[in-house]
Amino acid sequence: MRSLAIAVFSFCVAVTLATQKESVCCREVSTSKITMPITGFMVHKARPPCVKAVIFFTSEGAICSHWKEDWVKEKVTELRKIQAIEKNRKMNSTTIAPQMTESVSANL
């Protein structure tokens, strides 16, 4: 049951981020460090009028950050490591629950 809840939550976050990713265009970037929790990110290439940026997604919306800032590079590295861990965890976990036979379930 817990796996299902995590899967549903992850799906909701992915859908939200996909929607945000499609609509974000950074025309300016910030060099200020983000202090609120970051739920995701994407690297945005320069396509005028949009500029090159790392877009961090937070509970308060998307924030365009300057890609050359040291803290931005560190945060992207940290988030990529977390993504790799989550991906490995999903690949190593089983999603099929063991089935009980009628005789076993009757004894419970």
PDB file of N, CA and C in Angstrom:
ATOM      1  N   MET A   1       0.831  -1.192   0.000  1.00  0.00           N
ATOM      2  CA  MET A   1       0.000   0.000   0.000  1.00  0.00           C
ATOM      3  C   MET A   1       0.878   1.259   0.000  1.00  0.00           C
ATOM      4  N   ARG A   2       1.972   1.201   0.753  1.00  0.00           N
ATOM      5  CA  ARG A   2       2.878   2.336   0.824  1.00  0.00           C
ATOM      6  C   ARG A   2       3.508   2.606  -0.546  1.00  0.00           C
ATOM      7  N   SER A   3       3.855   1.517  -1.264  1.00  0.00           N
ATOM      8  CA  SER A   3       4.442   1.657  -2.603  1.00  0.00           C
ATOM      9  C   SER A   3       3.471   2.337  -3.553  1.00  0.00           C
ATOM     10  N   LEU A   4       2.207   1.996  -3.434  1.00  0.00           N
ATOM     11  CA  LEU A   4       1.187   2.616  -4.282  1.00  0.00           C
ATOM     12  C   LEU A   4       1.082   4.108  -3.989  1.00  0.00           C
ATOM     13  N   ALA A   5       1.098   4.464  -2.732  1.00  0.00           N
ATOM     14  CA  ALA A   5       1.018   5.879  -2.349  1.00  0.00           C
ATOM     15  C   ALA A   5       2.222   6.645  -2.877  1.00  0.00           C
ATOM     16  N   ILE A   6       3.401   6.057  -2.799  1.00  0.00           N
ATOM     17  CA  ILE A   6       4.614   6.709  -3.298  1.00  0.00           C
ATOM     18  C   ILE A   6       4.536   6.848  -4.810  1.00  0.00           C
ATOM     19  N   ALA A   7       4.045   5.807  -5.481  1.00  0.00           N
ATOM     20  CA  ALA A   7       3.918   5.854  -6.935  1.00  0.00           C
ATOM     21  C   ALA A   7       2.943   6.941  -7.370  1.00  0.00           C
ATOM     22  N   VAL A   8       1.823   7.043  -6.694  1.00  0.00           N
ATOM     23  CA  VAL A   8       0.826   8.065  -7.023  1.00  0.00           C
ATOM     24  C   VAL A   8       1.390   9.459  -6.781  1.00  0.00           C
ATOM     25  N   PHE A   9       2.073   9.646  -5.658  1.00  0.00           N
ATOM     26  CA  PHE A   9       2.688  10.938  -5.350  1.00  0.00           C
ATOM     27  C   PHE A   9       3.717  11.308  -6.419  1.00  0.00           C
ATOM     28  N   SER A  10       4.575  10.353  -6.773  1.00  0.00           N
ATOM     29  CA  SER A  10       5.603  10.601  -7.788  1.00  0.00           C
ATOM     30  C   SER A  10       4.971  10.971  -9.118  1.00  0.00           C
ATOM     31  N   PHE A  11       3.892  10.282  -9.472  1.00  0.00           N
ATOM     32  CA  PHE A  11       3.194  10.580 -10.721  1.00  0.00           C
ATOM     33  C   PHE A  11       2.656  12.008 -10.704  1.00  0.00           C
ATOM     34  N   CYS A  12       2.049  12.401  -9.600  1.00  0.00           N
ATOM     35  CA  CYS A  12       1.493  13.757  -9.489  1.00  0.00           C
ATOM     36  C   CYS A  12       2.583  14.814  -9.616  1.00  0.00           C
ATOM     37  N   VAL A  13       3.717  14.572  -8.970  1.00  0.00           N
ATOM     38  CA  VAL A  13       4.839  15.514  -9.059  1.00  0.00           C
ATOM     39  C   VAL A  13       5.333  15.584 -10.500  1.00  0.00           C
ATOM     40  N   ALA A  14       5.459  14.432 -11.162  1.00  0.00           N
ATOM     41  CA  ALA A  14       5.942  14.399 -12.547  1.00  0.00           C
ATOM     42  C   ALA A  14       5.011  15.161 -13.480  1.00  0.00           C
ATOM     43  N   VAL A  15       3.702  14.983 -13.302  1.00  0.00           N
ATOM     44  CA  VAL A  15       2.729  15.681 -14.139  1.00  0.00           C
ATOM     45  C   VAL A  15       2.817  17.184 -13.903  1.00  0.00           C
ATOM     46  N   THR A  16       2.916  17.575 -12.656  1.00  0.00           N
ATOM     47  CA  THR A  16       3.027  19.002 -12.325  1.00  0.00           C
ATOM     48  C   THR A  16       4.282  19.598 -12.941  1.00  0.00           C
ATOM     49  N   LEU A  17       5.414  18.896 -12.795  1.00  0.00           N
ATOM     50  CA  LEU A  17       6.664  19.405 -13.342  1.00  0.00           C
ATOM     51  C   LEU A  17       6.623  19.462 -14.863  1.00  0.00           C
ATOM     52  N   ALA A  18       6.028  18.470 -15.488  1.00  0.00           N
ATOM     53  CA  ALA A  18       5.927  18.471 -16.950  1.00  0.00           C
ATOM     54  C   ALA A  18       5.112  19.664 -17.426  1.00  0.00           C
ATOM     55  N   THR A  19       4.043  19.963 -16.722  1.00  0.00           N
ATOM     56  CA  THR A  19       3.204  21.107 -17.071  1.00  0.00           C
ATOM     57  C   THR A  19       3.993  22.401 -16.894  1.00  0.00           C
ATOM     58  N   GLN A  20       4.717  22.509 -15.780  1.00  0.00           N
ATOM     59  CA  GLN A  20       5.506  23.711 -15.529  1.00  0.00           C
ATOM     60  C   GLN A  20       6.623  23.850 -16.553  1.00  0.00           C
ATOM     61  N   LYS A  21       7.276  22.755 -16.911  1.00  0.00           N
ATOM     62  CA  LYS A  21       8.399  22.797 -17.838  1.00  0.00           C
ATOM     63  C   LYS A  21       7.976  23.345 -19.193  1.00  0.00           C
ATOM     64  N   GLU A  22       6.783  23.008 -19.629  1.00  0.00           N
ATOM     65  CA  GLU A  22       6.318  23.450 -20.928  1.00  0.00           C
ATOM     66  C   GLU A  22       6.066  24.953 -20.976  1.00  0.00           C
ATOM     67  N   SER A  23       5.760  25.554 -19.853  1.00  0.00           N
ATOM     68  CA  SER A  23       5.335  26.944 -19.862  1.00  0.00           C
ATOM     69  C   SER A  23       6.378  27.926 -19.319  1.00  0.00           C
ATOM     70  N   VAL A  24       7.555  27.452 -18.921  1.00  0.00           N
ATOM     71  CA  VAL A  24       8.528  28.355 -18.317  1.00  0.00           C
ATOM     72  C   VAL A  24       9.491  28.888 -19.370  1.00  0.00           C
ATOM     73  N   CYS A  25       9.629  30.183 -19.393  1.00  0.00           N
ATOM     74  CA  CYS A  25      10.591  30.857 -20.255  1.00  0.00           C
ATOM     75  C   CYS A  25      11.301  31.893 -19.396  1.00  0.00           C
ATOM     76  N   CYS A  26      12.581  31.683 -19.189  1.00  0.00           N
ATOM     77  CA  CYS A  26      13.345  32.627 -18.371  1.00  0.00           C
ATOM     78  C   CYS A  26      13.864  33.763 -19.241  1.00  0.00           C
ATOM     79  N   ARG A  27      13.425  34.956 -18.914  1.00  0.00           N
ATOM     80  CA  ARG A  27      13.923  36.136 -19.616  1.00  0.00           C
ATOM     81  C   ARG A  27      14.976  36.838 -18.770  1.00  0.00           C
ATOM     82  N   GLU A  28      14.974  36.513 -17.482  1.00  0.00           N
ATOM     83  CA  GLU A  28      15.972  37.028 -16.538  1.00  0.00           C
ATOM     84  C   GLU A  28      16.334  35.888 -15.607  1.00  0.00           C
ATOM     85  N   VAL A  29      17.512  35.957 -15.001  1.00  0.00           N
ATOM     86  CA  VAL A  29      17.919  34.934 -14.043  1.00  0.00           C
ATOM     87  C   VAL A  29      18.348  35.594 -12.743  1.00  0.00           C
ATOM     88  N   SER A  30      18.249  34.818 -11.689  1.00  0.00           N
ATOM     89  CA  SER A  30      18.645  35.293 -10.364  1.00  0.00           C
ATOM     90  C   SER A  30      19.963  34.629  -9.966  1.00  0.00           C
ATOM     91  N   THR A  31      20.742  35.353  -9.195  1.00  0.00           N
ATOM     92  CA  THR A  31      21.965  34.775  -8.641  1.00  0.00           C
ATOM     93  C   THR A  31      21.780  34.449  -7.159  1.00  0.00           C
ATOM     94  N   SER A  32      20.618  34.807  -6.609  1.00  0.00           N
ATOM     95  CA  SER A  32      20.339  34.568  -5.193  1.00  0.00           C
ATOM     96  C   SER A  32      20.080  33.089  -4.927  1.00  0.00           C
ATOM     97  N   LYS A  33      20.622  32.608  -3.818  1.00  0.00           N
ATOM     98  CA  LYS A  33      20.431  31.215  -3.440  1.00  0.00           C
ATOM     99  C   LYS A  33      18.983  31.006  -2.992  1.00  0.00           C
ATOM    100  N   ILE A  34      18.423  29.887  -3.417  1.00  0.00           N
ATOM    101  CA  ILE A  34      17.042  29.561  -3.062  1.00  0.00           C
ATOM    102  C   ILE A  34      17.033  28.906  -1.686  1.00  0.00           C
ATOM    103  N   THR A  35      16.182  29.411  -0.800  1.00  0.00           N
ATOM    104  CA  THR A  35      16.135  28.883   0.567  1.00  0.00           C
ATOM    105  C   THR A  35      14.958  27.953   0.808  1.00  0.00           C
ATOM    106  N   MET A  36      13.951  27.981  -0.061  1.00  0.00           N
ATOM    107  CA  MET A  36      12.789  27.106   0.115  1.00  0.00           C
ATOM    108  C   MET A  36      13.082  25.740  -0.502  1.00  0.00           C
ATOM    109  N   PRO A  37      12.317  24.713  -0.124  1.00  0.00           N
ATOM    110  CA  PRO A  37      12.556  23.379  -0.677  1.00  0.00           C
ATOM    111  C   PRO A  37      12.381  23.338  -2.195  1.00  0.00           C
ATOM    112  N   ILE A  38      13.312  22.658  -2.856  1.00  0.00           N
ATOM    113  CA  ILE A  38      13.282  22.504  -4.303  1.00  0.00           C
ATOM    114  C   ILE A  38      12.724  21.122  -4.616  1.00  0.00           C
ATOM    115  N   THR A  39      11.697  21.077  -5.466  1.00  0.00           N
ATOM    116  CA  THR A  39      11.058  19.801  -5.793  1.00  0.00           C
ATOM    117  C   THR A  39      11.535  19.235  -7.126  1.00  0.00           C
ATOM    118  N   GLY A  40      12.225  20.017  -7.916  1.00  0.00           N
ATOM    119  CA  GLY A  40      12.725  19.559  -9.198  1.00  0.00           C
ATOM    120  C   GLY A  40      13.477  20.671  -9.896  1.00  0.00           C
ATOM    121  N   PHE A  41      14.026  20.330 -11.049  1.00  0.00           N
ATOM    122  CA  PHE A  41      14.760  21.325 -11.815  1.00  0.00           C
ATOM    123  C   PHE A  41      14.797  20.914 -13.279  1.00  0.00           C
ATOM    124  N   MET A  42      15.196  21.848 -14.104  1.00  0.00           N
ATOM    125  CA  MET A  42      15.497  21.554 -15.505  1.00  0.00           C
ATOM    126  C   MET A  42      16.486  22.597 -16.002  1.00  0.00           C
ATOM    127  N   VAL A  43      17.292  22.187 -16.959  1.00  0.00           N
ATOM    128  CA  VAL A  43      18.232  23.113 -17.580  1.00  0.00           C
ATOM    129  C   VAL A  43      17.549  23.629 -18.840  1.00  0.00           C
ATOM    130  N   HIS A  44      17.480  24.941 -18.943  1.00  0.00           N
ATOM    131  CA  HIS A  44      16.769  25.584 -20.045  1.00  0.00           C
ATOM    132  C   HIS A  44      17.783  26.223 -20.984  1.00  0.00           C
ATOM    133  N   LYS A  45      17.779  25.813 -22.240  1.00  0.00           N
ATOM    134  CA  LYS A  45      18.686  26.390 -23.238  1.00  0.00           C
ATOM    135  C   LYS A  45      18.180  27.758 -23.675  1.00  0.00           C
ATOM    136  N   ALA A  46      19.102  28.552 -24.163  1.00  0.00           N
ATOM    137  CA  ALA A  46      18.723  29.880 -24.653  1.00  0.00           C
ATOM    138  C   ALA A  46      17.999  29.752 -25.984  1.00  0.00           C
ATOM    139  N   ARG A  47      16.779  30.248 -26.007  1.00  0.00           N
ATOM    140  CA  ARG A  47      15.972  30.333 -27.228  1.00  0.00           C
ATOM    141  C   ARG A  47      15.232  31.663 -27.136  1.00  0.00           C
ATOM    142  N   PRO A  48      15.808  32.701 -27.763  1.00  0.00           N
ATOM    143  CA  PRO A  48      15.221  34.029 -27.606  1.00  0.00           C
ATOM    144  C   PRO A  48      13.708  34.016 -27.780  1.00  0.00           C
ATOM    145  N   PRO A  49      12.997  34.674 -26.902  1.00  0.00           N
ATOM    146  CA  PRO A  49      13.454  35.638 -25.899  1.00  0.00           C
ATOM    147  C   PRO A  49      13.918  34.988 -24.590  1.00  0.00           C
ATOM    148  N   CYS A  50      13.927  33.664 -24.511  1.00  0.00           N
ATOM    149  CA  CYS A  50      14.340  32.983 -23.282  1.00  0.00           C
ATOM    150  C   CYS A  50      15.867  32.899 -23.211  1.00  0.00           C
ATOM    151  N   VAL A  51      16.403  32.984 -22.004  1.00  0.00           N
ATOM    152  CA  VAL A  51      17.850  32.911 -21.799  1.00  0.00           C
ATOM    153  C   VAL A  51      18.223  31.566 -21.183  1.00  0.00           C
ATOM    154  N   LYS A  52      19.500  31.213 -21.260  1.00  0.00           N
ATOM    155  CA  LYS A  52      19.985  29.981 -20.652  1.00  0.00           C
ATOM    156  C   LYS A  52      19.877  30.114 -19.139  1.00  0.00           C
ATOM    157  N   ALA A  53      19.315  29.062 -18.506  1.00  0.00           N
ATOM    158  CA  ALA A  53      19.097  29.118 -17.061  1.00  0.00           C
ATOM    159  C   ALA A  53      18.890  27.716 -16.518  1.00  0.00           C
ATOM    160  N   VAL A  54      19.033  27.598 -15.211  1.00  0.00           N
ATOM    161  CA  VAL A  54      18.577  26.407 -14.514  1.00  0.00           C
ATOM    162  C   VAL A  54      17.288  26.823 -13.826  1.00  0.00           C
ATOM    163  N   ILE A  55      16.240  26.097 -14.130  1.00  0.00           N
ATOM    164  CA  ILE A  55      14.940  26.416 -13.554  1.00  0.00           C
ATOM    165  C   ILE A  55      14.683  25.455 -12.412  1.00  0.00           C
ATOM    166  N   PHE A  56      14.550  26.007 -11.214  1.00  0.00           N
ATOM    167  CA  PHE A  56      14.239  25.201 -10.041  1.00  0.00           C
ATOM    168  C   PHE A  56      12.748  25.328  -9.767  1.00  0.00           C
ATOM    169  N   PHE A  57      12.126  24.191  -9.487  1.00  0.00           N
ATOM    170  CA  PHE A  57      10.702  24.178  -9.168  1.00  0.00           C
ATOM    171  C   PHE A  57      10.540  24.053  -7.665  1.00  0.00           C
ATOM    172  N   THR A  58       9.729  24.946  -7.108  1.00  0.00           N
ATOM    173  CA  THR A  58       9.473  24.966  -5.674  1.00  0.00           C
ATOM    174  C   THR A  58       7.959  24.977  -5.466  1.00  0.00           C
ATOM    175  N   SER A  59       7.562  24.888  -4.217  1.00  0.00           N
ATOM    176  CA  SER A  59       6.132  24.941  -3.912  1.00  0.00           C
ATOM    177  C   SER A  59       5.539  26.307  -4.267  1.00  0.00           C
ATOM    178  N   GLU A  60       6.395  27.291  -4.406  1.00  0.00           N
ATOM    179  CA  GLU A  60       5.921  28.635  -4.742  1.00  0.00           C
ATOM    180  C   GLU A  60       6.067  28.964  -6.225  1.00  0.00           C
ATOM    181  N   GLY A  61       6.489  27.973  -7.025  1.00  0.00           N
ATOM    182  CA  GLY A  61       6.606  28.190  -8.465  1.00  0.00           C
ATOM    183  C   GLY A  61       8.024  28.003  -8.968  1.00  0.00           C
ATOM    184  N   ALA A  62       8.213  28.326 -10.235  1.00  0.00           N
ATOM    185  CA  ALA A  62       9.508  28.158 -10.886  1.00  0.00           C
ATOM    186  C   ALA A  62      10.380  29.383 -10.630  1.00  0.00           C
ATOM    187  N   ILE A  63      11.674  29.121 -10.437  1.00  0.00           N
ATOM    188  CA  ILE A  63      12.642  30.196 -10.220  1.00  0.00           C
ATOM    189  C   ILE A  63      13.781  30.002 -11.208  1.00  0.00           C
ATOM    190  N   CYS A  64      14.064  31.021 -11.990  1.00  0.00           N
ATOM    191  CA  CYS A  64      15.140  30.972 -12.974  1.00  0.00           C
ATOM    192  C   CYS A  64      16.441  31.417 -12.314  1.00  0.00           C
ATOM    193  N   SER A  65      17.415  30.522 -12.328  1.00  0.00           N
ATOM    194  CA  SER A  65      18.694  30.807 -11.681  1.00  0.00           C
ATOM    195  C   SER A  65      19.814  30.795 -12.719  1.00  0.00           C
ATOM    196  N   HIS A  66      20.844  31.595 -12.428  1.00  0.00           N
ATOM    197  CA  HIS A  66      21.979  31.678 -13.348  1.00  0.00           C
ATOM    198  C   HIS A  66      22.782  30.388 -13.297  1.00  0.00           C
ATOM    199  N   TRP A  67      22.980  29.779 -14.444  1.00  0.00           N
ATOM    200  CA  TRP A  67      23.607  28.464 -14.533  1.00  0.00           C
ATOM    201  C   TRP A  67      25.079  28.458 -14.148  1.00  0.00           C
ATOM    202  N   LYS A  68      25.741  29.617 -14.102  1.00  0.00           N
ATOM    203  CA  LYS A  68      27.158  29.663 -13.759  1.00  0.00           C
ATOM    204  C   LYS A  68      27.420  29.809 -12.261  1.00  0.00           C
ATOM    205  N   GLU A  69      26.395  30.040 -11.476  1.00  0.00           N
ATOM    206  CA  GLU A  69      26.567  30.192 -10.035  1.00  0.00           C
ATOM    207  C   GLU A  69      27.023  28.869  -9.408  1.00  0.00           C
ATOM    208  N   ASP A  70      27.991  28.939  -8.498  1.00  0.00           N
ATOM    209  CA  ASP A  70      28.506  27.722  -7.846  1.00  0.00           C
ATOM    210  C   ASP A  70      27.408  26.973  -7.099  1.00  0.00           C
ATOM    211  N   TRP A  71      26.549  27.700  -6.377  1.00  0.00           N
ATOM    212  CA  TRP A  71      25.499  27.031  -5.610  1.00  0.00           C
ATOM    213  C   TRP A  71      24.511  26.323  -6.536  1.00  0.00           C
ATOM    214  N   VAL A  72      24.292  26.870  -7.733  1.00  0.00           N
ATOM    215  CA  VAL A  72      23.387  26.241  -8.703  1.00  0.00           C
ATOM    216  C   VAL A  72      23.989  24.929  -9.189  1.00  0.00           C
ATOM    217  N   LYS A  73      25.269  24.944  -9.530  1.00  0.00           N
ATOM    218  CA  LYS A  73      25.955  23.731  -9.984  1.00  0.00           C
ATOM    219  C   LYS A  73      25.927  22.656  -8.897  1.00  0.00           C
ATOM    220  N   GLU A  74      26.170  23.072  -7.642  1.00  0.00           N
ATOM    221  CA  GLU A  74      26.152  22.123  -6.520  1.00  0.00           C
ATOM    222  C   GLU A  74      24.755  21.523  -6.321  1.00  0.00           C
ATOM    223  N   LYS A  75      23.724  22.353  -6.407  1.00  0.00           N
ATOM    224  CA  LYS A  75      22.349  21.884  -6.210  1.00  0.00           C
ATOM    225  C   LYS A  75      21.937  20.933  -7.332  1.00  0.00           C
ATOM    226  N   VAL A  76      22.313  21.229  -8.566  1.00  0.00           N
ATOM    227  CA  VAL A  76      21.995  20.346  -9.696  1.00  0.00           C
ATOM    228  C   VAL A  76      22.686  19.002  -9.504  1.00  0.00           C
ATOM    229  N   THR A  77      23.949  19.014  -9.084  1.00  0.00           N
ATOM    230  CA  THR A  77      24.676  17.766  -8.824  1.00  0.00           C
ATOM    231  C   THR A  77      23.978  16.967  -7.730  1.00  0.00           C
ATOM    232  N   GLU A  78      23.581  17.631  -6.663  1.00  0.00           N
ATOM    233  CA  GLU A  78      22.868  16.976  -5.554  1.00  0.00           C
ATOM    234  C   GLU A  78      21.546  16.367  -6.030  1.00  0.00           C
ATOM    235  N   LEU A  79      20.776  17.119  -6.793  1.00  0.00           N
ATOM    236  CA  LEU A  79      19.485  16.630  -7.272  1.00  0.00           C
ATOM    237  C   LEU A  79      19.644  15.479  -8.268  1.00  0.00           C
ATOM    238  N   ARG A  80      20.682  15.523  -9.081  1.00  0.00           N
ATOM    239  CA  ARG A  80      20.930  14.409 -10.020  1.00  0.00           C
ATOM    240  C   ARG A  80      21.305  13.133  -9.268  1.00  0.00           C
ATOM    241  N   LYS A  81      22.064  13.266  -8.181  1.00  0.00           N
ATOM    242  CA  LYS A  81      22.399  12.099  -7.357  1.00  0.00           C
ATOM    243  C   LYS A  81      21.138  11.500  -6.746  1.00  0.00           C
ATOM    244  N   ILE A  82      20.256  12.346  -6.259  1.00  0.00           N
ATOM    245  CA  ILE A  82      18.993  11.876  -5.681  1.00  0.00           C
ATOM    246  C   ILE A  82      18.160  11.168  -6.748  1.00  0.00           C
ATOM    247  N   GLN A  83      18.110  11.733  -7.953  1.00  0.00           N
ATOM    248  CA  GLN A  83      17.366  11.104  -9.047  1.00  0.00           C
ATOM    249  C   GLN A  83      17.943   9.725  -9.367  1.00  0.00           C
ATOM    250  N   ALA A  84      19.272   9.607  -9.374  1.00  0.00           N
ATOM    251  CA  ALA A  84      19.915   8.322  -9.676  1.00  0.00           C
ATOM    252  C   ALA A  84      19.592   7.295  -8.603  1.00  0.00           C
ATOM    253  N   ILE A  85      19.604   7.715  -7.339  1.00  0.00           N
ATOM    254  CA  ILE A  85      19.273   6.817  -6.232  1.00  0.00           C
ATOM    255  C   ILE A  85      17.833   6.339  -6.367  1.00  0.00           C
ATOM    256  N   GLU A  86      16.910   7.267  -6.639  1.00  0.00           N
ATOM    257  CA  GLU A  86      15.499   6.908  -6.799  1.00  0.00           C
ATOM    258  C   GLU A  86      15.303   5.958  -7.972  1.00  0.00           C
ATOM    259  N   LYS A  87      16.004   6.223  -9.063  1.00  0.00           N
ATOM    260  CA  LYS A  87      15.891   5.352 -10.236  1.00  0.00           C
ATOM    261  C   LYS A  87      16.380   3.946  -9.903  1.00  0.00           C
ATOM    262  N   ASN A  88      17.512   3.840  -9.213  1.00  0.00           N
ATOM    263  CA  ASN A  88      18.037   2.530  -8.817  1.00  0.00           C
ATOM    264  C   ASN A  88      17.100   1.826  -7.851  1.00  0.00           C
ATOM    265  N   ARG A  89      16.520   2.582  -6.935  1.00  0.00           N
ATOM    266  CA  ARG A  89      15.591   2.005  -5.966  1.00  0.00           C
ATOM    267  C   ARG A  89      14.378   1.411  -6.678  1.00  0.00           C
ATOM    268  N   LYS A  90      13.858   2.137  -7.658  1.00  0.00           N
ATOM    269  CA  LYS A  90      12.699   1.651  -8.411  1.00  0.00           C
ATOM    270  C   LYS A  90      13.057   0.407  -9.211  1.00  0.00           C
ATOM    271  N   MET A  91      14.253   0.382  -9.772  1.00  0.00           N
ATOM    272  CA  MET A  91      14.660  -0.761 -10.579  1.00  0.00           C
ATOM    273  C   MET A  91      14.900  -2.004  -9.722  1.00  0.00           C
ATOM    274  N   ASN A  92      15.315  -1.813  -8.473  1.00  0.00           N
ATOM    275  CA  ASN A  92      15.639  -2.931  -7.594  1.00  0.00           C
ATOM    276  C   ASN A  92      14.466  -3.419  -6.764  1.00  0.00           C
ATOM    277  N   SER A  93      13.412  -2.651  -6.688  1.00  0.00           N
ATOM    278  CA  SER A  93      12.268  -3.071  -5.882  1.00  0.00           C
ATOM    279  C   SER A  93      11.293  -3.863  -6.736  1.00  0.00           C
ATOM    280  N   THR A  94      10.583  -4.747  -6.075  1.00  0.00           N
ATOM    281  CA  THR A  94       9.560  -5.502  -6.795  1.00  0.00           C
ATOM    282  C   THR A  94       8.221  -4.833  -6.568  1.00  0.00           C
ATOM    283  N   THR A  95       7.416  -4.839  -7.601  1.00  0.00           N
ATOM    284  CA  THR A  95       6.106  -4.200  -7.489  1.00  0.00           C
ATOM    285  C   THR A  95       4.990  -5.227  -7.407  1.00  0.00           C
ATOM    286  N   ILE A  96       5.339  -6.503  -7.472  1.00  0.00           N
ATOM    287  CA  ILE A  96       4.325  -7.553  -7.425  1.00  0.00           C
ATOM    288  C   ILE A  96       4.262  -8.099  -6.004  1.00  0.00           C
ATOM    289  N   ALA A  97       3.095  -8.030  -5.412  1.00  0.00           N
ATOM    290  CA  ALA A  97       2.898  -8.538  -4.053  1.00  0.00           C
ATOM    291  C   ALA A  97       2.686 -10.043  -4.109  1.00  0.00           C
ATOM    292  N   PRO A  98       3.192 -10.762  -3.118  1.00  0.00           N
ATOM    293  CA  PRO A  98       2.965 -12.207  -3.103  1.00  0.00           C
ATOM    294  C   PRO A  98       1.478 -12.515  -2.978  1.00  0.00           C
ATOM    295  N   GLN A  99       1.040 -13.543  -3.667  1.00  0.00           N
ATOM    296  CA  GLN A  99      -0.366 -13.938  -3.661  1.00  0.00           C
ATOM    297  C   GLN A  99      -0.590 -15.033  -2.613  1.00  0.00           C
ATOM    298  N   MET A 100      -1.679 -14.954  -1.905  1.00  0.00           N
ATOM    299  CA  MET A 100      -2.031 -15.982  -0.924  1.00  0.00           C
ATOM    300  C   MET A 100      -3.030 -16.944  -1.555  1.00  0.00           C
ATOM    301  N   THR A 101      -2.871 -18.183  -1.236  1.00  0.00           N
ATOM    302  CA  THR A 101      -3.855 -19.161  -1.704  1.00  0.00           C
ATOM    303  C   THR A 101      -5.054 -19.086  -0.778  1.00  0.00           C
ATOM    304  N   GLU A 102      -6.169 -19.656  -1.205  1.00  0.00           N
ATOM    305  CA  GLU A 102      -7.383 -19.596  -0.397  1.00  0.00           C
ATOM    306  C   GLU A 102      -7.196 -20.287   0.954  1.00  0.00           C
ATOM    307  N   SER A 103      -6.449 -21.384   0.975  1.00  0.00           N
ATOM    308  CA  SER A 103      -6.268 -22.116   2.230  1.00  0.00           C
ATOM    309  C   SER A 103      -5.439 -21.300   3.224  1.00  0.00           C
ATOM    310  N   VAL A 104      -4.435 -20.585   2.721  1.00  0.00           N
ATOM    311  CA  VAL A 104      -3.609 -19.755   3.610  1.00  0.00           C
ATOM    312  C   VAL A 104      -4.411 -18.578   4.124  1.00  0.00           C
ATOM    313  N   SER A 105      -5.151 -17.898   3.242  1.00  0.00           N
ATOM    314  CA  SER A 105      -5.899 -16.730   3.662  1.00  0.00           C
ATOM    315  C   SER A 105      -7.041 -17.102   4.592  1.00  0.00           C
ATOM    316  N   ALA A 106      -7.576 -18.324   4.491  1.00  0.00           N
ATOM    317  CA  ALA A 106      -8.654 -18.767   5.366  1.00  0.00           C
ATOM    318  C   ALA A 106      -8.148 -18.969   6.796  1.00  0.00           C
ATOM    319  N   ASN A 107      -6.859 -19.317   6.932  1.00  0.00           N
ATOM    320  CA  ASN A 107      -6.271 -19.542   8.250  1.00  0.00           C
ATOM    321  C   ASN A 107      -5.916 -18.240   8.959  1.00  0.00           C
ATOM    322  N   LEU A 108      -5.935 -17.129   8.242  1.00  0.00           N
ATOM    323  CA  LEU A 108      -5.595 -15.862   8.865  1.00  0.00           C
ATOM    324  C   LEU A 108      -6.795 -15.314   9.501  1.00  0.00           C
TER     325      LEU A 108
END
